[in-house]
């Protein structure tokens, strides 16, 4: 091993199991680390001709951070893939905290929220292109995000595929349970 080379036991995963509400897609970002994470950062590339970054959602792991934020730092560069141009933007996500517990850190760190700009017929890639601070040299698993069958594509828009009526509170309850399930599975 070369001198100065850092090894990281941190794992950063963009979960493929995203949830959609209307035209918004909620993408959990999973972290697994044997030690506390005091500061983190990563840049993720997404297809800006299909998705618009809307914001972050709080999670239990994120509560102890003094500041967490995300911003689109570069907009729309075109890349030819499979004979057609696709536009991509870069999202920078980061945070820090001052108090440390020196304990293992595993679960859903935060949830990224994207809005579908136009018809998303297939899943769109969300790719980590750089990592910073305690995520430096982390092992990264990129994800694909997409919409599930939308309400207006169903025979009865007020009912799901098994005939249940959904209210806004039902959707929030289901999303919370999904994030908790993902967090528990990430720890195991």
N, C-alpha and C. Protein backbone atom coordinates (compact mmCIF):
# COMPACT_ATOMS: atom_id res chain seq x y z
N UNK A 1 0.84 -1.17 0.00
CA UNK A 1 0.00 0.00 0.00
C UNK A 1 0.89 1.24 0.00
N UNK A 2 0.52 2.21 -0.79
CA UNK A 2 1.30 3.45 -0.89
C UNK A 2 1.06 4.32 0.34
N UNK A 3 2.09 5.04 0.76
CA UNK A 3 1.96 5.97 1.88
C UNK A 3 0.99 7.07 1.51
N UNK A 4 0.21 7.51 2.49
CA UNK A 4 -0.74 8.58 2.24
C UNK A 4 -2.07 8.11 1.68
N UNK A 5 -2.17 6.86 1.32
CA UNK A 5 -3.42 6.32 0.78
C UNK A 5 -4.39 6.07 1.93
N UNK A 6 -5.60 6.60 1.83
CA UNK A 6 -6.57 6.44 2.89
C UNK A 6 -7.53 5.31 2.55
N UNK A 7 -7.84 4.51 3.55
CA UNK A 7 -8.82 3.44 3.41
C UNK A 7 -10.06 3.86 4.18
N UNK A 8 -11.21 3.67 3.61
CA UNK A 8 -12.45 4.03 4.28
C UNK A 8 -13.33 2.80 4.40
N UNK A 9 -13.95 2.65 5.55
CA UNK A 9 -14.91 1.58 5.75
C UNK A 9 -16.33 2.09 5.61
N UNK A 10 -16.50 3.30 5.12
CA UNK A 10 -17.81 3.92 4.96
C UNK A 10 -18.43 3.44 3.65
N UNK A 11 -19.71 3.12 3.72
CA UNK A 11 -20.47 2.72 2.53
C UNK A 11 -21.58 3.75 2.31
N UNK A 12 -21.68 4.26 1.09
CA UNK A 12 -22.69 5.24 0.71
C UNK A 12 -23.53 4.63 -0.42
N UNK A 13 -24.84 4.55 -0.22
CA UNK A 13 -25.72 3.89 -1.19
C UNK A 13 -26.88 4.80 -1.56
N UNK A 14 -27.09 4.97 -2.85
CA UNK A 14 -28.31 5.61 -3.34
C UNK A 14 -29.30 4.48 -3.54
N UNK A 15 -30.33 4.47 -2.72
CA UNK A 15 -31.24 3.34 -2.71
C UNK A 15 -32.12 3.32 -3.96
N UNK A 16 -32.14 2.16 -4.63
CA UNK A 16 -33.00 1.99 -5.82
C UNK A 16 -34.48 1.94 -5.45
N UNK A 17 -34.76 1.71 -4.18
CA UNK A 17 -36.15 1.59 -3.75
C UNK A 17 -36.67 2.97 -3.36
N UNK A 18 -36.89 3.82 -4.35
CA UNK A 18 -37.41 5.16 -4.10
C UNK A 18 -38.94 5.09 -4.06
N UNK A 19 -39.55 6.12 -3.52
CA UNK A 19 -41.01 6.18 -3.47
C UNK A 19 -41.45 7.45 -4.17
N UNK A 20 -42.57 7.40 -4.85
CA UNK A 20 -43.05 8.58 -5.56
C UNK A 20 -44.41 8.99 -5.03
N UNK A 21 -44.61 10.30 -4.94
CA UNK A 21 -45.89 10.89 -4.55
C UNK A 21 -46.20 11.94 -5.61
N UNK A 22 -47.20 11.67 -6.43
CA UNK A 22 -47.48 12.56 -7.55
C UNK A 22 -46.29 12.54 -8.50
N UNK A 23 -45.74 13.70 -8.80
CA UNK A 23 -44.57 13.80 -9.67
C UNK A 23 -43.27 13.95 -8.89
N UNK A 24 -43.31 13.76 -7.57
CA UNK A 24 -42.10 13.85 -6.75
C UNK A 24 -41.58 12.45 -6.44
N UNK A 25 -40.25 12.33 -6.48
CA UNK A 25 -39.58 11.06 -6.18
C UNK A 25 -38.70 11.28 -4.95
N UNK A 26 -38.87 10.43 -3.94
CA UNK A 26 -38.11 10.50 -2.69
C UNK A 26 -37.05 9.40 -2.73
N UNK A 27 -35.78 9.80 -2.66
CA UNK A 27 -34.67 8.87 -2.82
C UNK A 27 -33.87 8.81 -1.51
N UNK A 28 -33.96 7.71 -0.75
CA UNK A 28 -33.18 7.58 0.48
C UNK A 28 -31.69 7.41 0.18
N UNK A 29 -30.85 8.11 0.95
CA UNK A 29 -29.40 7.97 0.87
C UNK A 29 -28.96 7.21 2.12
N UNK A 30 -28.45 5.99 1.91
CA UNK A 30 -28.07 5.11 3.02
C UNK A 30 -26.58 5.23 3.31
N UNK A 31 -26.24 5.17 4.59
CA UNK A 31 -24.85 5.23 5.03
C UNK A 31 -24.61 4.11 6.02
N UNK A 32 -23.46 3.49 5.90
CA UNK A 32 -23.04 2.48 6.87
C UNK A 32 -21.59 2.78 7.21
N UNK A 33 -21.32 3.08 8.49
CA UNK A 33 -19.98 3.43 8.93
C UNK A 33 -19.73 2.84 10.31
N UNK A 34 -18.54 2.30 10.55
CA UNK A 34 -18.22 1.76 11.87
C UNK A 34 -17.97 2.86 12.91
N UNK A 35 -17.88 4.12 12.47
CA UNK A 35 -17.64 5.22 13.40
C UNK A 35 -18.53 6.40 13.05
N UNK A 36 -18.56 7.36 13.95
CA UNK A 36 -19.38 8.56 13.78
C UNK A 36 -18.92 9.36 12.55
N UNK A 37 -19.85 10.00 11.88
CA UNK A 37 -19.55 10.85 10.74
C UNK A 37 -19.79 12.29 11.18
N UNK A 38 -18.70 13.06 11.28
CA UNK A 38 -18.82 14.44 11.76
C UNK A 38 -19.08 15.42 10.61
N UNK A 39 -18.58 15.11 9.43
CA UNK A 39 -18.80 15.97 8.26
C UNK A 39 -18.85 15.07 7.03
N UNK A 40 -19.73 15.40 6.11
CA UNK A 40 -19.85 14.58 4.90
C UNK A 40 -20.15 15.46 3.71
N UNK A 41 -19.85 14.93 2.56
CA UNK A 41 -20.20 15.62 1.33
C UNK A 41 -20.09 14.68 0.15
N UNK A 42 -20.94 14.90 -0.83
CA UNK A 42 -20.84 14.16 -2.09
C UNK A 42 -21.49 14.96 -3.20
N UNK A 43 -21.01 14.73 -4.41
CA UNK A 43 -21.61 15.30 -5.62
C UNK A 43 -22.29 14.17 -6.36
N UNK A 44 -23.51 14.40 -6.79
CA UNK A 44 -24.25 13.40 -7.55
C UNK A 44 -24.72 14.00 -8.86
N UNK A 45 -24.60 13.23 -9.90
CA UNK A 45 -25.01 13.65 -11.24
C UNK A 45 -26.39 13.06 -11.52
N UNK A 46 -27.28 13.89 -12.10
CA UNK A 46 -28.63 13.41 -12.44
C UNK A 46 -29.06 14.00 -13.77
N UNK A 47 -29.97 13.32 -14.48
CA UNK A 47 -30.42 13.81 -15.79
C UNK A 47 -31.39 14.98 -15.61
N UNK A 48 -30.90 16.19 -15.86
CA UNK A 48 -31.69 17.39 -15.62
C UNK A 48 -32.75 17.64 -16.68
N UNK A 49 -32.73 16.87 -17.76
CA UNK A 49 -33.82 16.99 -18.72
C UNK A 49 -35.01 16.15 -18.28
N UNK A 50 -34.84 15.34 -17.22
CA UNK A 50 -35.92 14.50 -16.71
C UNK A 50 -36.31 14.84 -15.27
N UNK A 51 -35.32 15.26 -14.46
CA UNK A 51 -35.56 15.50 -13.04
C UNK A 51 -35.14 16.91 -12.64
N UNK A 52 -35.88 17.48 -11.68
CA UNK A 52 -35.53 18.77 -11.08
C UNK A 52 -35.33 18.51 -9.59
N UNK A 53 -34.20 18.96 -9.03
CA UNK A 53 -33.98 18.80 -7.60
C UNK A 53 -34.89 19.77 -6.84
N UNK A 54 -35.64 19.23 -5.86
CA UNK A 54 -36.59 20.03 -5.10
C UNK A 54 -36.07 20.33 -3.69
N UNK A 55 -35.48 19.33 -3.02
CA UNK A 55 -35.01 19.57 -1.66
C UNK A 55 -34.62 18.30 -0.93
N UNK A 56 -34.44 18.45 0.39
CA UNK A 56 -34.06 17.35 1.28
C UNK A 56 -35.18 17.10 2.26
N UNK A 57 -35.25 15.87 2.75
CA UNK A 57 -36.20 15.54 3.81
C UNK A 57 -35.41 15.08 5.02
N UNK A 58 -35.86 15.48 6.20
CA UNK A 58 -35.18 15.14 7.45
C UNK A 58 -35.35 13.65 7.78
N UNK A 59 -34.32 13.10 8.42
CA UNK A 59 -34.38 11.74 8.95
C UNK A 59 -33.84 11.78 10.37
N UNK A 60 -33.99 10.69 11.11
CA UNK A 60 -33.51 10.62 12.49
C UNK A 60 -31.99 10.82 12.56
N UNK A 61 -31.24 10.24 11.62
CA UNK A 61 -29.78 10.39 11.63
C UNK A 61 -29.36 11.84 11.38
N UNK A 62 -30.13 12.54 10.62
CA UNK A 62 -29.78 13.92 10.23
C UNK A 62 -30.04 14.92 11.36
N UNK A 63 -30.86 14.56 12.33
CA UNK A 63 -31.26 15.49 13.39
C UNK A 63 -30.07 16.05 14.18
N UNK A 64 -29.00 15.26 14.34
CA UNK A 64 -27.87 15.70 15.16
C UNK A 64 -26.90 16.64 14.42
N UNK A 65 -27.14 16.90 13.15
CA UNK A 65 -26.23 17.76 12.37
C UNK A 65 -26.60 19.23 12.55
N UNK A 66 -25.56 20.08 12.68
CA UNK A 66 -25.77 21.52 12.80
C UNK A 66 -26.30 22.10 11.49
N UNK A 67 -25.80 21.57 10.37
CA UNK A 67 -26.22 22.08 9.08
C UNK A 67 -26.13 20.97 8.02
N UNK A 68 -27.16 20.84 7.23
CA UNK A 68 -27.19 19.93 6.08
C UNK A 68 -27.88 20.68 4.96
N UNK A 69 -27.29 20.61 3.77
CA UNK A 69 -27.89 21.32 2.65
C UNK A 69 -27.51 20.65 1.34
N UNK A 70 -28.20 21.01 0.29
CA UNK A 70 -27.89 20.51 -1.06
C UNK A 70 -28.25 21.60 -2.06
N UNK A 71 -27.40 21.73 -3.06
CA UNK A 71 -27.62 22.72 -4.12
C UNK A 71 -27.12 22.17 -5.44
N UNK A 72 -27.79 22.57 -6.50
CA UNK A 72 -27.31 22.24 -7.84
C UNK A 72 -26.17 23.21 -8.13
N UNK A 73 -24.96 22.66 -8.34
CA UNK A 73 -23.79 23.52 -8.51
C UNK A 73 -23.37 23.70 -9.95
N UNK A 74 -23.79 22.81 -10.82
CA UNK A 74 -23.53 23.02 -12.24
C UNK A 74 -24.74 22.53 -13.00
N UNK A 75 -25.06 23.25 -14.00
CA UNK A 75 -26.29 22.97 -14.74
C UNK A 75 -25.98 22.47 -16.14
N UNK A 76 -26.72 21.48 -16.50
CA UNK A 76 -26.93 21.04 -17.87
C UNK A 76 -25.73 21.06 -18.80
N UNK A 77 -25.00 20.01 -18.77
CA UNK A 77 -24.05 19.78 -19.84
C UNK A 77 -24.59 18.60 -20.62
N UNK A 78 -24.38 18.60 -21.90
CA UNK A 78 -24.95 17.55 -22.75
C UNK A 78 -23.91 16.47 -22.99
N UNK A 79 -24.39 15.25 -23.03
CA UNK A 79 -23.53 14.11 -23.31
C UNK A 79 -24.27 13.18 -24.26
N UNK A 80 -23.59 12.77 -25.30
CA UNK A 80 -24.22 11.87 -26.27
C UNK A 80 -24.11 10.43 -25.77
N UNK A 81 -25.25 9.81 -25.55
CA UNK A 81 -25.29 8.41 -25.14
C UNK A 81 -26.27 7.69 -26.05
N UNK A 82 -25.84 6.60 -26.59
CA UNK A 82 -26.69 5.78 -27.46
C UNK A 82 -27.32 6.62 -28.58
N UNK A 83 -26.54 7.53 -29.14
CA UNK A 83 -27.00 8.28 -30.30
C UNK A 83 -27.89 9.47 -30.01
N UNK A 84 -28.24 9.74 -28.72
CA UNK A 84 -29.04 10.93 -28.44
C UNK A 84 -28.42 11.70 -27.27
N UNK A 85 -28.63 13.00 -27.28
CA UNK A 85 -28.06 13.85 -26.25
C UNK A 85 -28.93 13.80 -24.99
N UNK A 86 -28.26 13.74 -23.84
CA UNK A 86 -28.94 13.82 -22.56
C UNK A 86 -28.30 14.94 -21.77
N UNK A 87 -29.10 15.67 -21.01
CA UNK A 87 -28.59 16.77 -20.20
C UNK A 87 -28.42 16.30 -18.76
N UNK A 88 -27.30 16.67 -18.14
CA UNK A 88 -27.02 16.30 -16.76
C UNK A 88 -26.66 17.54 -15.95
N UNK A 89 -27.00 17.50 -14.66
CA UNK A 89 -26.59 18.52 -13.71
C UNK A 89 -25.93 17.84 -12.53
N UNK A 90 -25.16 18.62 -11.76
CA UNK A 90 -24.49 18.09 -10.57
C UNK A 90 -25.10 18.69 -9.32
N UNK A 91 -25.44 17.81 -8.38
CA UNK A 91 -26.00 18.20 -7.10
C UNK A 91 -24.94 17.99 -6.03
N UNK A 92 -24.64 19.03 -5.23
CA UNK A 92 -23.69 18.89 -4.12
C UNK A 92 -24.48 18.83 -2.81
N UNK A 93 -24.21 17.78 -2.03
CA UNK A 93 -24.88 17.54 -0.76
C UNK A 93 -23.82 17.49 0.33
N UNK A 94 -24.09 18.13 1.47
CA UNK A 94 -23.11 18.09 2.55
C UNK A 94 -23.68 18.51 3.88
N UNK A 95 -22.92 18.20 4.93
CA UNK A 95 -23.35 18.60 6.26
C UNK A 95 -22.24 18.42 7.27
N UNK A 96 -22.43 19.00 8.46
CA UNK A 96 -21.45 18.85 9.54
C UNK A 96 -22.15 18.92 10.88
N UNK A 97 -21.47 18.42 11.91
CA UNK A 97 -21.94 18.57 13.28
C UNK A 97 -20.74 18.76 14.18
N UNK A 98 -20.97 19.39 15.32
CA UNK A 98 -19.87 19.69 16.23
C UNK A 98 -19.74 18.70 17.37
N UNK A 99 -20.82 18.08 17.79
CA UNK A 99 -20.75 17.11 18.89
C UNK A 99 -20.66 15.70 18.35
N UNK A 100 -19.71 14.91 18.86
CA UNK A 100 -19.53 13.54 18.39
C UNK A 100 -19.87 12.53 19.48
N UNK A 101 -20.45 11.41 19.08
CA UNK A 101 -20.79 10.33 20.01
C UNK A 101 -19.82 9.16 19.90
N UNK A 102 -19.01 9.12 18.86
CA UNK A 102 -18.06 8.03 18.61
C UNK A 102 -18.74 6.66 18.60
N UNK A 103 -19.80 6.57 17.84
CA UNK A 103 -20.52 5.30 17.71
C UNK A 103 -20.75 4.99 16.24
N UNK A 104 -21.15 3.76 15.99
CA UNK A 104 -21.44 3.34 14.62
C UNK A 104 -22.57 4.20 14.07
N UNK A 105 -22.58 4.35 12.75
CA UNK A 105 -23.50 5.26 12.09
C UNK A 105 -24.08 4.54 10.89
N UNK A 106 -25.32 4.06 10.99
CA UNK A 106 -25.92 3.30 9.89
C UNK A 106 -27.39 3.66 9.75
N UNK A 107 -27.83 3.77 8.50
CA UNK A 107 -29.24 4.01 8.22
C UNK A 107 -29.42 5.03 7.12
N UNK A 108 -30.63 5.60 7.06
CA UNK A 108 -30.96 6.61 6.06
C UNK A 108 -30.46 7.96 6.58
N UNK A 109 -29.44 8.50 5.94
CA UNK A 109 -28.88 9.79 6.34
C UNK A 109 -29.82 10.93 5.99
N UNK A 110 -30.31 10.92 4.77
CA UNK A 110 -31.23 11.93 4.30
C UNK A 110 -31.98 11.39 3.09
N UNK A 111 -33.01 12.11 2.71
CA UNK A 111 -33.78 11.73 1.54
C UNK A 111 -33.77 12.89 0.56
N UNK A 112 -33.33 12.62 -0.66
CA UNK A 112 -33.34 13.63 -1.72
C UNK A 112 -34.70 13.61 -2.41
N UNK A 113 -35.20 14.78 -2.75
CA UNK A 113 -36.51 14.88 -3.42
C UNK A 113 -36.30 15.50 -4.79
N UNK A 114 -36.79 14.78 -5.81
CA UNK A 114 -36.74 15.26 -7.19
C UNK A 114 -38.15 15.34 -7.73
N UNK A 115 -38.39 16.27 -8.64
CA UNK A 115 -39.67 16.37 -9.35
C UNK A 115 -39.42 15.96 -10.79
N UNK A 116 -40.33 15.19 -11.33
CA UNK A 116 -40.20 14.75 -12.72
C UNK A 116 -40.53 15.92 -13.63
N UNK A 117 -39.56 16.28 -14.47
CA UNK A 117 -39.69 17.41 -15.40
C UNK A 117 -40.59 17.04 -16.57
N UNK A 118 -40.41 15.85 -17.09
CA UNK A 118 -41.24 15.39 -18.21
C UNK A 118 -41.36 13.88 -18.10
N UNK A 119 -42.06 13.27 -19.02
CA UNK A 119 -42.34 11.84 -18.95
C UNK A 119 -41.07 11.03 -18.66
N UNK A 120 -41.11 10.26 -17.60
CA UNK A 120 -39.99 9.43 -17.20
C UNK A 120 -40.38 7.98 -17.47
N UNK A 121 -40.20 7.57 -18.73
CA UNK A 121 -40.62 6.24 -19.16
C UNK A 121 -39.73 5.14 -18.58
N UNK A 122 -38.47 5.47 -18.32
CA UNK A 122 -37.56 4.48 -17.74
C UNK A 122 -36.86 5.12 -16.55
N UNK A 123 -36.23 4.30 -15.75
CA UNK A 123 -35.53 4.81 -14.58
C UNK A 123 -34.36 5.69 -15.00
N UNK A 124 -34.08 6.69 -14.18
CA UNK A 124 -33.00 7.64 -14.46
C UNK A 124 -31.85 7.39 -13.49
N UNK A 125 -30.60 7.48 -13.97
CA UNK A 125 -29.46 7.24 -13.09
C UNK A 125 -29.20 8.41 -12.15
N UNK A 126 -28.81 8.09 -10.92
CA UNK A 126 -28.34 9.07 -9.95
C UNK A 126 -26.97 8.56 -9.53
N UNK A 127 -25.91 9.25 -9.96
CA UNK A 127 -24.54 8.74 -9.87
C UNK A 127 -23.67 9.65 -9.01
N UNK A 128 -23.03 9.08 -7.98
CA UNK A 128 -22.08 9.84 -7.16
C UNK A 128 -20.79 9.99 -7.96
N UNK A 129 -20.34 11.24 -8.15
CA UNK A 129 -19.13 11.47 -8.93
C UNK A 129 -17.97 11.97 -8.08
N UNK A 130 -18.24 12.37 -6.81
CA UNK A 130 -17.17 12.80 -5.91
C UNK A 130 -17.65 12.67 -4.47
N UNK A 131 -16.71 12.39 -3.55
CA UNK A 131 -17.03 12.29 -2.12
C UNK A 131 -16.04 13.15 -1.34
N UNK A 132 -16.50 13.69 -0.20
CA UNK A 132 -15.69 14.61 0.59
C UNK A 132 -15.77 14.28 2.08
N UNK A 133 -14.86 14.86 2.85
CA UNK A 133 -14.83 14.77 4.31
C UNK A 133 -14.84 13.30 4.76
N UNK A 134 -15.75 12.92 5.65
CA UNK A 134 -15.76 11.54 6.16
C UNK A 134 -16.26 10.53 5.12
N UNK A 135 -16.78 11.01 4.01
CA UNK A 135 -17.17 10.13 2.90
C UNK A 135 -16.02 9.92 1.91
N UNK A 136 -14.91 10.62 2.11
CA UNK A 136 -13.76 10.47 1.21
C UNK A 136 -13.37 9.01 1.14
N UNK A 137 -13.18 8.48 -0.04
CA UNK A 137 -12.81 7.08 -0.29
C UNK A 137 -13.87 6.07 0.13
N UNK A 138 -15.10 6.52 0.33
CA UNK A 138 -16.19 5.60 0.68
C UNK A 138 -16.49 4.69 -0.49
N UNK A 139 -16.96 3.48 -0.19
CA UNK A 139 -17.46 2.64 -1.28
C UNK A 139 -18.85 3.15 -1.62
N UNK A 140 -19.12 3.29 -2.91
CA UNK A 140 -20.35 3.93 -3.37
C UNK A 140 -21.14 2.96 -4.24
N UNK A 141 -22.44 2.92 -3.99
CA UNK A 141 -23.35 2.17 -4.85
C UNK A 141 -24.36 3.17 -5.41
N UNK A 142 -24.30 3.38 -6.72
CA UNK A 142 -25.19 4.33 -7.38
C UNK A 142 -26.57 3.73 -7.56
N UNK A 143 -27.54 4.58 -7.85
CA UNK A 143 -28.91 4.11 -7.96
C UNK A 143 -29.62 4.55 -9.21
N UNK A 144 -30.79 3.96 -9.41
CA UNK A 144 -31.71 4.34 -10.47
C UNK A 144 -33.00 4.78 -9.81
N UNK A 145 -33.56 5.89 -10.26
CA UNK A 145 -34.80 6.37 -9.68
C UNK A 145 -35.86 6.44 -10.76
N UNK A 146 -37.10 6.22 -10.36
CA UNK A 146 -38.19 6.28 -11.32
C UNK A 146 -39.52 6.39 -10.64
N UNK A 147 -40.53 6.75 -11.42
CA UNK A 147 -41.89 6.85 -10.91
C UNK A 147 -42.56 5.48 -10.96
N UNK A 148 -43.35 5.22 -9.95
CA UNK A 148 -44.22 4.06 -10.00
C UNK A 148 -45.43 4.46 -10.84
N UNK A 149 -46.33 3.53 -11.11
CA UNK A 149 -47.51 3.85 -11.90
C UNK A 149 -48.27 5.02 -11.26
N UNK A 150 -48.51 6.07 -12.03
CA UNK A 150 -49.12 7.27 -11.48
C UNK A 150 -50.62 7.10 -11.27
N UNK A 151 -51.18 7.96 -10.41
CA UNK A 151 -52.61 7.90 -10.11
C UNK A 151 -53.46 8.04 -11.38
N UNK A 152 -53.07 8.93 -12.31
CA UNK A 152 -53.92 9.15 -13.49
C UNK A 152 -53.82 8.02 -14.51
N UNK A 153 -52.91 7.08 -14.32
CA UNK A 153 -52.83 5.92 -15.21
C UNK A 153 -53.69 4.76 -14.71
N UNK A 154 -54.23 4.88 -13.50
CA UNK A 154 -55.07 3.83 -12.94
C UNK A 154 -56.51 4.01 -13.38
N UNK A 155 -57.29 2.93 -13.33
CA UNK A 155 -58.70 3.02 -13.70
C UNK A 155 -59.44 3.97 -12.78
N UNK A 156 -59.21 3.87 -11.47
CA UNK A 156 -59.82 4.76 -10.49
C UNK A 156 -58.70 5.50 -9.77
N UNK A 157 -58.48 6.79 -10.10
CA UNK A 157 -57.35 7.51 -9.53
C UNK A 157 -57.36 7.60 -8.01
N UNK A 158 -58.51 7.45 -7.36
CA UNK A 158 -58.57 7.54 -5.90
C UNK A 158 -58.19 6.23 -5.21
N UNK A 159 -58.00 5.16 -5.98
CA UNK A 159 -57.70 3.86 -5.39
C UNK A 159 -56.37 3.34 -5.92
N UNK A 160 -55.69 2.54 -5.10
CA UNK A 160 -54.44 1.95 -5.55
C UNK A 160 -54.73 0.67 -6.32
N UNK A 161 -53.68 -0.09 -6.64
CA UNK A 161 -53.83 -1.27 -7.49
C UNK A 161 -54.65 -2.39 -6.86
N UNK A 162 -54.84 -2.36 -5.53
CA UNK A 162 -55.68 -3.39 -4.89
C UNK A 162 -56.99 -2.81 -4.38
N UNK A 163 -57.32 -1.60 -4.84
CA UNK A 163 -58.63 -1.03 -4.55
C UNK A 163 -58.73 -0.21 -3.28
N UNK A 164 -57.61 0.09 -2.58
CA UNK A 164 -57.66 0.89 -1.36
C UNK A 164 -57.73 2.37 -1.72
N UNK A 165 -58.55 3.12 -0.96
CA UNK A 165 -58.56 4.57 -1.09
C UNK A 165 -57.35 5.14 -0.36
N UNK A 166 -56.68 6.12 -0.97
CA UNK A 166 -55.49 6.74 -0.36
C UNK A 166 -55.76 8.20 -0.07
N UNK A 167 -55.43 8.61 1.14
CA UNK A 167 -55.46 10.02 1.50
C UNK A 167 -54.01 10.50 1.59
N UNK A 168 -53.83 11.80 1.74
CA UNK A 168 -52.47 12.33 1.90
C UNK A 168 -51.82 11.75 3.15
N UNK A 169 -52.58 11.63 4.25
CA UNK A 169 -52.04 11.05 5.48
C UNK A 169 -51.59 9.60 5.27
N UNK A 170 -52.33 8.84 4.46
CA UNK A 170 -51.93 7.45 4.15
C UNK A 170 -50.59 7.43 3.43
N UNK A 171 -50.41 8.34 2.50
CA UNK A 171 -49.17 8.39 1.72
C UNK A 171 -48.00 8.73 2.63
N UNK A 172 -48.16 9.73 3.50
CA UNK A 172 -47.09 10.11 4.44
C UNK A 172 -46.78 8.94 5.37
N UNK A 173 -47.80 8.26 5.90
CA UNK A 173 -47.60 7.12 6.80
C UNK A 173 -46.84 6.01 6.08
N UNK A 174 -47.21 5.70 4.84
CA UNK A 174 -46.52 4.66 4.07
C UNK A 174 -45.07 5.04 3.81
N UNK A 175 -44.81 6.30 3.45
CA UNK A 175 -43.45 6.75 3.18
C UNK A 175 -42.59 6.67 4.44
N UNK A 176 -43.14 7.07 5.58
CA UNK A 176 -42.41 6.98 6.86
C UNK A 176 -42.08 5.54 7.18
N UNK A 177 -43.04 4.65 7.02
CA UNK A 177 -42.79 3.22 7.28
C UNK A 177 -41.74 2.66 6.33
N UNK A 178 -41.77 3.08 5.07
CA UNK A 178 -40.78 2.62 4.10
C UNK A 178 -39.38 3.06 4.50
N UNK A 179 -39.22 4.32 4.89
CA UNK A 179 -37.91 4.82 5.29
C UNK A 179 -37.43 4.10 6.55
N UNK A 180 -38.32 3.85 7.50
CA UNK A 180 -37.93 3.10 8.70
C UNK A 180 -37.50 1.68 8.35
N UNK A 181 -38.21 1.03 7.43
CA UNK A 181 -37.85 -0.32 7.00
C UNK A 181 -36.48 -0.33 6.33
N UNK A 182 -36.23 0.64 5.47
CA UNK A 182 -34.95 0.74 4.80
C UNK A 182 -33.83 0.95 5.83
N UNK A 183 -34.09 1.81 6.83
CA UNK A 183 -33.08 2.07 7.88
C UNK A 183 -32.77 0.79 8.65
N UNK A 184 -33.80 0.04 9.03
CA UNK A 184 -33.57 -1.20 9.79
C UNK A 184 -32.80 -2.20 8.94
N UNK A 185 -33.11 -2.32 7.66
CA UNK A 185 -32.40 -3.26 6.78
C UNK A 185 -30.97 -2.83 6.54
N UNK A 186 -30.70 -1.53 6.53
CA UNK A 186 -29.34 -1.05 6.33
C UNK A 186 -28.45 -1.39 7.52
N UNK A 187 -29.03 -1.42 8.72
CA UNK A 187 -28.27 -1.75 9.92
C UNK A 187 -27.93 -3.23 9.96
N UNK A 188 -28.84 -4.07 9.46
CA UNK A 188 -28.62 -5.53 9.50
C UNK A 188 -27.68 -6.02 8.45
